[in-house]
Amino acid sequence: MAELRERLLRKPGGDREFVSILNAVVSDGLEAVSVACELAVEANAASSDYVLNVLNRFRPQPQLLAIAAPEQLRLKEAPQANLARYDALLKRSACALLALALVLAQLPLEVIHGAA
């Protein structure tokens, strides 16, 4: 923690960042904060954001509860990727842009640039 403190105090606002790290000792414990500080020093990422992120990753993540969907909302057939439809849309938009470019190429420059 001392190494991280020294690095933080070299930059503006580093004292406030270190205080936010010290506040994490209350909720996460001294050992967890010390390990998070060591990881920050090893990663050359001296910031409270990094340390607090590491601490958050140490915490057990809540388990998601499975919710049974009503029968009306269940899929009758699994979705399938249809890349041919996507490709067709891309070709149509490319053709439209090409047609617009050809039309603009035939107009006098005064019309395109709005000169009177």
N, C-alpha and C. Protein backbone atom coordinates (compact mmCIF):
# COMPACT_ATOMS: atom_id res chain seq x y z
N MET A 1 0.82 -1.20 0.00
CA MET A 1 0.00 0.00 0.00
C MET A 1 0.86 1.26 0.00
N ALA A 2 2.03 1.17 0.62
CA ALA A 2 2.91 2.34 0.70
C ALA A 2 3.39 2.76 -0.69
N GLU A 3 3.72 1.77 -1.52
CA GLU A 3 4.17 2.07 -2.89
C GLU A 3 3.07 2.76 -3.69
N LEU A 4 1.86 2.27 -3.56
CA LEU A 4 0.73 2.89 -4.28
C LEU A 4 0.48 4.30 -3.76
N ARG A 5 0.58 4.47 -2.44
CA ARG A 5 0.38 5.80 -1.86
C ARG A 5 1.40 6.79 -2.41
N GLU A 6 2.66 6.37 -2.50
CA GLU A 6 3.70 7.25 -3.04
C GLU A 6 3.40 7.63 -4.49
N ARG A 7 2.98 6.65 -5.27
CA ARG A 7 2.66 6.94 -6.68
C ARG A 7 1.47 7.87 -6.80
N LEU A 8 0.46 7.66 -5.96
CA LEU A 8 -0.73 8.52 -6.03
C LEU A 8 -0.42 9.94 -5.61
N LEU A 9 0.42 10.10 -4.59
CA LEU A 9 0.72 11.44 -4.09
C LEU A 9 1.55 12.27 -5.06
N ARG A 10 2.13 11.62 -6.07
CA ARG A 10 2.90 12.36 -7.09
C ARG A 10 2.00 13.08 -8.08
N LYS A 11 0.74 12.68 -8.15
CA LYS A 11 -0.13 13.32 -9.13
C LYS A 11 -1.20 14.15 -8.42
N PRO A 12 -1.73 15.16 -9.11
CA PRO A 12 -2.76 16.01 -8.50
C PRO A 12 -4.00 15.19 -8.15
N GLY A 13 -4.52 15.42 -6.97
CA GLY A 13 -5.71 14.71 -6.52
C GLY A 13 -5.43 13.31 -6.02
N GLY A 14 -4.17 12.94 -5.96
CA GLY A 14 -3.80 11.61 -5.51
C GLY A 14 -4.12 11.36 -4.06
N ASP A 15 -4.07 12.43 -3.25
CA ASP A 15 -4.41 12.26 -1.83
C ASP A 15 -5.87 11.85 -1.66
N ARG A 16 -6.75 12.44 -2.47
CA ARG A 16 -8.17 12.08 -2.41
C ARG A 16 -8.39 10.65 -2.89
N GLU A 17 -7.65 10.25 -3.91
CA GLU A 17 -7.78 8.88 -4.40
C GLU A 17 -7.35 7.88 -3.33
N PHE A 18 -6.25 8.22 -2.62
CA PHE A 18 -5.79 7.30 -1.59
C PHE A 18 -6.78 7.22 -0.44
N VAL A 19 -7.43 8.32 -0.12
CA VAL A 19 -8.45 8.31 0.94
C VAL A 19 -9.61 7.41 0.54
N SER A 20 -10.01 7.43 -0.74
CA SER A 20 -11.10 6.56 -1.17
C SER A 20 -10.68 5.09 -1.08
N ILE A 21 -9.40 4.82 -1.30
CA ILE A 21 -8.90 3.45 -1.14
C ILE A 21 -8.93 3.05 0.34
N LEU A 22 -8.52 3.96 1.21
CA LEU A 22 -8.55 3.67 2.64
C LEU A 22 -9.98 3.45 3.14
N ASN A 23 -10.94 4.16 2.59
CA ASN A 23 -12.34 3.96 2.97
C ASN A 23 -12.81 2.55 2.63
N ALA A 24 -12.21 1.95 1.62
CA ALA A 24 -12.61 0.60 1.23
C ALA A 24 -12.20 -0.44 2.27
N VAL A 25 -11.26 -0.09 3.14
CA VAL A 25 -10.83 -1.02 4.19
C VAL A 25 -12.00 -1.35 5.11
N VAL A 26 -12.88 -0.38 5.33
CA VAL A 26 -14.02 -0.59 6.22
C VAL A 26 -14.93 -1.69 5.68
N SER A 27 -15.21 -1.67 4.39
CA SER A 27 -16.16 -2.63 3.82
C SER A 27 -15.49 -3.92 3.34
N ASP A 28 -14.24 -3.83 2.86
CA ASP A 28 -13.61 -5.00 2.24
C ASP A 28 -12.52 -5.65 3.09
N GLY A 29 -12.03 -4.95 4.08
CA GLY A 29 -10.98 -5.50 4.93
C GLY A 29 -9.59 -5.09 4.46
N LEU A 30 -8.68 -5.06 5.42
CA LEU A 30 -7.31 -4.60 5.14
C LEU A 30 -6.58 -5.53 4.18
N GLU A 31 -6.76 -6.83 4.35
CA GLU A 31 -6.04 -7.78 3.51
C GLU A 31 -6.45 -7.66 2.04
N ALA A 32 -7.75 -7.55 1.79
CA ALA A 32 -8.23 -7.44 0.41
C ALA A 32 -7.74 -6.15 -0.23
N VAL A 33 -7.77 -5.06 0.52
CA VAL A 33 -7.30 -3.77 -0.03
C VAL A 33 -5.81 -3.82 -0.29
N SER A 34 -5.05 -4.46 0.59
CA SER A 34 -3.60 -4.59 0.38
C SER A 34 -3.30 -5.38 -0.89
N VAL A 35 -4.01 -6.48 -1.09
CA VAL A 35 -3.81 -7.28 -2.31
C VAL A 35 -4.18 -6.48 -3.55
N ALA A 36 -5.29 -5.74 -3.48
CA ALA A 36 -5.71 -4.92 -4.62
C ALA A 36 -4.68 -3.84 -4.92
N CYS A 37 -4.08 -3.27 -3.88
CA CYS A 37 -3.04 -2.25 -4.09
C CYS A 37 -1.80 -2.87 -4.73
N GLU A 38 -1.44 -4.06 -4.30
CA GLU A 38 -0.29 -4.75 -4.91
C GLU A 38 -0.54 -5.03 -6.38
N LEU A 39 -1.75 -5.46 -6.68
CA LEU A 39 -2.09 -5.73 -8.09
C LEU A 39 -2.04 -4.44 -8.92
N ALA A 40 -2.47 -3.33 -8.34
CA ALA A 40 -2.41 -2.05 -9.06
C ALA A 40 -0.97 -1.64 -9.33
N VAL A 41 -0.10 -1.85 -8.36
CA VAL A 41 1.32 -1.51 -8.54
C VAL A 41 1.94 -2.41 -9.62
N GLU A 42 1.62 -3.71 -9.57
CA GLU A 42 2.17 -4.64 -10.57
C GLU A 42 1.69 -4.29 -11.98
N ALA A 43 0.44 -3.82 -12.08
CA ALA A 43 -0.12 -3.48 -13.39
C ALA A 43 0.26 -2.06 -13.82
N ASN A 44 1.01 -1.36 -12.97
CA ASN A 44 1.38 0.03 -13.23
C ASN A 44 0.13 0.89 -13.47
N ALA A 45 -0.88 0.65 -12.67
CA ALA A 45 -2.15 1.37 -12.78
C ALA A 45 -2.48 2.00 -11.43
N ALA A 46 -1.74 3.03 -11.09
CA ALA A 46 -1.91 3.66 -9.79
C ALA A 46 -3.12 4.59 -9.82
N SER A 47 -4.28 4.04 -9.49
CA SER A 47 -5.49 4.86 -9.39
C SER A 47 -6.48 4.18 -8.48
N SER A 48 -7.31 4.99 -7.85
CA SER A 48 -8.33 4.42 -6.97
C SER A 48 -9.36 3.63 -7.78
N ASP A 49 -9.61 4.06 -9.01
CA ASP A 49 -10.57 3.34 -9.85
C ASP A 49 -10.12 1.89 -10.06
N TYR A 50 -8.85 1.72 -10.32
CA TYR A 50 -8.32 0.37 -10.55
C TYR A 50 -8.46 -0.48 -9.29
N VAL A 51 -8.07 0.08 -8.16
CA VAL A 51 -8.11 -0.67 -6.90
C VAL A 51 -9.55 -1.03 -6.55
N LEU A 52 -10.47 -0.07 -6.68
CA LEU A 52 -11.87 -0.34 -6.34
C LEU A 52 -12.48 -1.36 -7.30
N ASN A 53 -12.05 -1.33 -8.55
CA ASN A 53 -12.54 -2.32 -9.52
C ASN A 53 -12.05 -3.72 -9.12
N VAL A 54 -10.80 -3.83 -8.74
CA VAL A 54 -10.26 -5.12 -8.31
C VAL A 54 -11.02 -5.62 -7.08
N LEU A 55 -11.29 -4.72 -6.14
CA LEU A 55 -12.03 -5.12 -4.94
C LEU A 55 -13.43 -5.61 -5.30
N ASN A 56 -14.04 -4.96 -6.25
CA ASN A 56 -15.38 -5.38 -6.68
C ASN A 56 -15.33 -6.78 -7.30
N ARG A 57 -14.26 -7.08 -8.00
CA ARG A 57 -14.12 -8.41 -8.61
C ARG A 57 -13.88 -9.49 -7.57
N PHE A 58 -13.29 -9.10 -6.42
CA PHE A 58 -13.07 -10.05 -5.33
C PHE A 58 -14.39 -10.46 -4.67
N ARG A 59 -15.36 -9.55 -4.66
CA ARG A 59 -16.62 -9.83 -3.97
C ARG A 59 -17.40 -10.91 -4.69
N PRO A 60 -18.10 -11.74 -3.92
CA PRO A 60 -18.93 -12.76 -4.57
C PRO A 60 -20.07 -12.09 -5.35
N GLN A 61 -20.27 -12.53 -6.55
CA GLN A 61 -21.32 -11.95 -7.39
C GLN A 61 -22.66 -12.60 -7.04
N PRO A 62 -23.74 -11.82 -7.07
CA PRO A 62 -25.05 -12.39 -6.73
C PRO A 62 -25.48 -13.44 -7.76
N GLN A 63 -26.13 -14.45 -7.26
CA GLN A 63 -26.63 -15.51 -8.12
C GLN A 63 -27.94 -15.06 -8.76
N LEU A 64 -28.06 -15.28 -10.05
CA LEU A 64 -29.28 -14.91 -10.75
C LEU A 64 -30.31 -16.02 -10.58
N LEU A 65 -31.52 -15.60 -10.33
CA LEU A 65 -32.59 -16.57 -10.17
C LEU A 65 -33.24 -16.85 -11.52
N ALA A 66 -33.48 -18.09 -11.78
CA ALA A 66 -34.15 -18.47 -13.02
C ALA A 66 -35.65 -18.20 -12.85
N ILE A 67 -36.21 -17.52 -13.81
CA ILE A 67 -37.64 -17.21 -13.79
C ILE A 67 -38.30 -18.00 -14.91
N ALA A 68 -39.30 -18.74 -14.54
CA ALA A 68 -40.02 -19.53 -15.54
C ALA A 68 -40.88 -18.60 -16.40
N ALA A 69 -40.70 -18.68 -17.69
CA ALA A 69 -41.47 -17.84 -18.61
C ALA A 69 -42.83 -18.49 -18.86
N PRO A 70 -43.88 -17.67 -18.98
CA PRO A 70 -45.19 -18.24 -19.30
C PRO A 70 -45.16 -18.92 -20.67
N GLU A 71 -46.03 -19.85 -20.86
CA GLU A 71 -46.05 -20.64 -22.10
C GLU A 71 -46.20 -19.75 -23.34
N GLN A 72 -46.95 -18.65 -23.23
CA GLN A 72 -47.17 -17.77 -24.38
C GLN A 72 -45.88 -17.09 -24.83
N LEU A 73 -44.93 -16.94 -23.91
CA LEU A 73 -43.68 -16.24 -24.25
C LEU A 73 -42.55 -17.18 -24.66
N ARG A 74 -42.75 -18.46 -24.57
CA ARG A 74 -41.70 -19.42 -24.94
C ARG A 74 -41.62 -19.55 -26.45
N LEU A 75 -40.40 -19.71 -26.93
CA LEU A 75 -40.18 -19.86 -28.37
C LEU A 75 -40.69 -21.21 -28.85
N LYS A 76 -41.34 -21.18 -29.98
CA LYS A 76 -41.81 -22.44 -30.57
C LYS A 76 -40.74 -23.06 -31.45
N GLU A 77 -39.92 -22.21 -32.08
CA GLU A 77 -38.77 -22.71 -32.84
C GLU A 77 -37.59 -21.78 -32.57
N ALA A 78 -36.43 -22.33 -32.48
CA ALA A 78 -35.23 -21.56 -32.15
C ALA A 78 -34.88 -20.61 -33.29
N PRO A 79 -34.43 -19.40 -32.95
CA PRO A 79 -34.02 -18.46 -34.00
C PRO A 79 -32.78 -18.96 -34.72
N GLN A 80 -32.71 -18.66 -36.01
CA GLN A 80 -31.55 -19.05 -36.81
C GLN A 80 -30.98 -17.81 -37.48
N ALA A 81 -29.67 -17.81 -37.60
CA ALA A 81 -29.01 -16.69 -38.27
C ALA A 81 -29.36 -16.71 -39.75
N ASN A 82 -29.74 -15.54 -40.27
CA ASN A 82 -30.07 -15.43 -41.69
C ASN A 82 -29.20 -14.33 -42.28
N LEU A 83 -27.98 -14.68 -42.60
CA LEU A 83 -27.04 -13.70 -43.12
C LEU A 83 -27.36 -13.30 -44.56
N ALA A 84 -28.08 -14.12 -45.27
CA ALA A 84 -28.45 -13.79 -46.64
C ALA A 84 -29.34 -12.55 -46.66
N ARG A 85 -30.24 -12.43 -45.69
CA ARG A 85 -31.11 -11.25 -45.60
C ARG A 85 -30.27 -10.00 -45.31
N TYR A 86 -29.32 -10.12 -44.40
CA TYR A 86 -28.44 -9.00 -44.07
C TYR A 86 -27.62 -8.60 -45.30
N ASP A 87 -27.09 -9.57 -46.02
CA ASP A 87 -26.31 -9.28 -47.23
C ASP A 87 -27.16 -8.58 -48.27
N ALA A 88 -28.43 -9.01 -48.40
CA ALA A 88 -29.33 -8.37 -49.37
C ALA A 88 -29.57 -6.91 -49.01
N LEU A 89 -29.73 -6.63 -47.72
CA LEU A 89 -29.91 -5.24 -47.29
C LEU A 89 -28.67 -4.40 -47.58
N LEU A 90 -27.50 -4.99 -47.35
CA LEU A 90 -26.26 -4.27 -47.64
C LEU A 90 -26.13 -3.96 -49.14
N LYS A 91 -26.48 -4.94 -49.98
CA LYS A 91 -26.39 -4.73 -51.42
C LYS A 91 -27.36 -3.65 -51.87
N ARG A 92 -28.58 -3.67 -51.30
CA ARG A 92 -29.56 -2.65 -51.68
C ARG A 92 -29.08 -1.25 -51.31
N SER A 93 -28.53 -1.11 -50.09
CA SER A 93 -28.07 0.21 -49.68
C SER A 93 -26.85 0.64 -50.50
N ALA A 94 -25.99 -0.31 -50.87
CA ALA A 94 -24.83 0.02 -51.70
C ALA A 94 -25.29 0.46 -53.08
N CYS A 95 -26.31 -0.21 -53.63
CA CYS A 95 -26.84 0.17 -54.94
C CYS A 95 -27.47 1.55 -54.88
N ALA A 96 -28.17 1.85 -53.81
CA ALA A 96 -28.80 3.16 -53.66
C ALA A 96 -27.74 4.26 -53.58
N LEU A 97 -26.66 4.01 -52.86
CA LEU A 97 -25.59 5.00 -52.76
C LEU A 97 -24.89 5.19 -54.09
N LEU A 98 -24.70 4.11 -54.82
CA LEU A 98 -24.08 4.20 -56.13
C LEU A 98 -24.96 5.00 -57.09
N ALA A 99 -26.27 4.74 -57.06
CA ALA A 99 -27.19 5.48 -57.92
C ALA A 99 -27.18 6.96 -57.57
N LEU A 100 -27.15 7.29 -56.28
CA LEU A 100 -27.11 8.69 -55.85
C LEU A 100 -25.82 9.35 -56.32
N ALA A 101 -24.71 8.64 -56.23
CA ALA A 101 -23.43 9.19 -56.68
C ALA A 101 -23.46 9.47 -58.18
N LEU A 102 -24.08 8.58 -58.94
CA LEU A 102 -24.16 8.78 -60.39
C LEU A 102 -25.04 9.99 -60.72
N VAL A 103 -26.12 10.15 -60.00
CA VAL A 103 -27.00 11.31 -60.24
C VAL A 103 -26.27 12.60 -59.90
N LEU A 104 -25.57 12.61 -58.76
CA LEU A 104 -24.84 13.81 -58.37
C LEU A 104 -23.71 14.12 -59.33
N ALA A 105 -23.11 13.11 -59.92
CA ALA A 105 -22.02 13.32 -60.87
C ALA A 105 -22.50 14.00 -62.14
N GLN A 106 -23.77 13.84 -62.47
CA GLN A 106 -24.31 14.43 -63.68
C GLN A 106 -24.81 15.85 -63.49
N LEU A 107 -25.00 16.26 -62.22
CA LEU A 107 -25.50 17.61 -61.96
C LEU A 107 -24.37 18.63 -62.09
N PRO A 108 -24.71 19.84 -62.52
CA PRO A 108 -23.67 20.90 -62.54
C PRO A 108 -23.22 21.20 -61.12
N LEU A 109 -21.97 21.64 -60.99
CA LEU A 109 -21.42 21.92 -59.67
C LEU A 109 -22.21 23.01 -58.94
N GLU A 110 -22.78 23.97 -59.69
CA GLU A 110 -23.54 25.03 -59.05
C GLU A 110 -24.75 24.48 -58.29
N VAL A 111 -25.37 23.47 -58.84
CA VAL A 111 -26.54 22.87 -58.18
C VAL A 111 -26.11 22.11 -56.93
N ILE A 112 -25.01 21.38 -57.02
CA ILE A 112 -24.55 20.59 -55.88
C ILE A 112 -24.14 21.48 -54.72
N HIS A 113 -23.39 22.58 -55.02
CA HIS A 113 -22.88 23.44 -53.97
C HIS A 113 -23.86 24.55 -53.61
N GLY A 114 -24.95 24.66 -54.28
CA GLY A 114 -25.97 25.66 -53.94
C GLY A 114 -25.62 27.05 -54.40
N ALA A 115 -24.74 27.20 -55.35
CA ALA A 115 -24.39 28.53 -55.86
C ALA A 115 -25.49 29.04 -56.77
N ALA A 116 -25.77 30.31 -56.69
CA ALA A 116 -26.84 30.88 -57.52
C ALA A 116 -26.30 31.54 -58.75
